[in-house]
């Protein structure tokens, strides 16, 4: 019953939501150092507690970049039918 309702309300392949959310997750991870710095500048977080080191910020940004590139490479490979079809996944055309 729930799936019938969701099929009418959401996109056809709503069960593959991780594909849509993965790029947003990479963006959120990449923005964490910036958000922390803004919180310190606007005194939402006490500056005396310290801040994130540049190395940590760079590592987080590289992780976000790797997440986005990995998702885009996989998406491109699926679109070109270079990967085997996963169970329950519709064929991309």
Protein backbone atom coordinates (compact mmCIF):
# COMPACT_ATOMS: atom_id res chain seq x y z
CA UNK A 1 0.00 0.00 0.00
CA UNK A 2 2.76 2.45 0.91
CA UNK A 3 4.68 1.69 -2.26
CA UNK A 4 1.59 2.36 -4.37
CA UNK A 5 1.20 5.77 -2.74
CA UNK A 6 4.89 6.59 -3.12
CA UNK A 7 4.89 5.48 -6.75
CA UNK A 8 2.13 8.00 -7.47
CA UNK A 9 3.68 10.86 -5.49
CA UNK A 10 7.41 10.47 -6.11
CA UNK A 11 9.55 9.73 -9.15
CA UNK A 12 9.41 6.27 -10.69
CA UNK A 13 12.71 5.11 -9.25
CA UNK A 14 12.31 6.47 -5.71
CA UNK A 15 13.92 3.30 -4.35
CA UNK A 16 17.22 4.54 -5.80
CA UNK A 17 17.20 7.69 -3.65
CA UNK A 18 20.84 7.27 -2.67
CA UNK A 19 21.81 8.31 -6.20
CA UNK A 20 20.04 11.62 -5.74
CA UNK A 21 21.22 12.21 -2.20
CA UNK A 22 24.87 11.22 -2.72
CA UNK A 23 25.82 14.48 -4.41
CA UNK A 24 24.07 16.50 -1.71
CA UNK A 25 25.95 14.51 0.92
CA UNK A 26 29.27 15.27 -0.79
CA UNK A 27 28.36 18.95 -0.84
CA UNK A 28 27.44 18.92 2.85
CA UNK A 29 30.70 17.19 3.79
CA UNK A 30 32.69 19.68 1.74
CA UNK A 31 31.01 22.63 3.43
CA UNK A 32 31.66 21.45 7.00
CA UNK A 33 34.95 23.37 7.44
CA UNK A 34 33.38 26.55 6.06
CA UNK A 35 30.32 26.23 8.30
CA UNK A 36 32.53 25.68 11.34
CA UNK A 37 34.61 28.75 10.48
CA UNK A 38 31.47 30.86 10.04
CA UNK A 39 30.13 29.65 13.38
CA UNK A 40 33.37 30.75 15.06
CA UNK A 41 33.36 34.14 13.29
CA UNK A 42 29.77 34.86 14.31
CA UNK A 43 30.56 33.66 17.85
CA UNK A 44 28.08 30.83 17.77
CA UNK A 45 30.99 28.64 18.85
CA UNK A 46 33.44 29.99 21.40
CA UNK A 47 36.71 30.88 19.59
CA UNK A 48 38.76 29.90 22.64
CA UNK A 49 37.76 26.27 22.09
CA UNK A 50 39.94 26.25 18.99
CA UNK A 51 39.21 25.76 15.36
CA UNK A 52 39.78 23.16 12.71
CA UNK A 53 43.34 22.91 11.42
CA UNK A 54 43.99 23.64 7.76
CA UNK A 55 45.10 20.04 7.23
CA UNK A 56 41.81 18.72 8.62
CA UNK A 57 39.80 21.16 6.51
CA UNK A 58 41.72 20.19 3.39
CA UNK A 59 41.27 16.46 4.09
CA UNK A 60 37.52 16.93 4.50
CA UNK A 61 37.33 18.89 1.25
CA UNK A 62 39.33 16.21 -0.58
CA UNK A 63 36.98 13.55 0.81
CA UNK A 64 33.97 15.49 -0.48
CA UNK A 65 35.62 15.88 -3.88
CA UNK A 66 36.36 12.14 -4.02
CA UNK A 67 32.75 11.35 -3.10
CA UNK A 68 31.42 13.56 -5.89
CA UNK A 69 33.87 12.25 -8.49
CA UNK A 70 33.15 8.65 -7.51
CA UNK A 71 29.42 9.19 -7.88
CA UNK A 72 29.79 10.94 -11.24
CA UNK A 73 32.13 8.27 -12.62
CA UNK A 74 29.76 5.49 -11.56
CA UNK A 75 26.77 7.36 -12.98
CA UNK A 76 28.56 7.86 -16.31
CA UNK A 77 29.61 4.21 -16.44
CA UNK A 78 26.02 3.11 -15.78
CA UNK A 79 24.70 5.45 -18.47
CA UNK A 80 27.12 3.95 -21.00
CA UNK A 81 26.25 0.39 -19.90
CA UNK A 82 29.82 -0.30 -18.79
CA UNK A 83 28.73 -1.77 -15.44
CA UNK A 84 26.65 -4.90 -14.95
CA UNK A 85 23.04 -4.21 -14.11
CA UNK A 86 22.35 -4.37 -10.39
CA UNK A 87 19.45 -6.39 -9.12
CA UNK A 88 16.26 -4.36 -9.06
CA UNK A 89 17.81 -1.42 -10.90
CA UNK A 90 16.17 -0.25 -14.12
CA UNK A 91 18.29 -0.10 -17.27
CA UNK A 92 19.47 3.46 -18.08
CA UNK A 93 18.71 4.55 -21.64
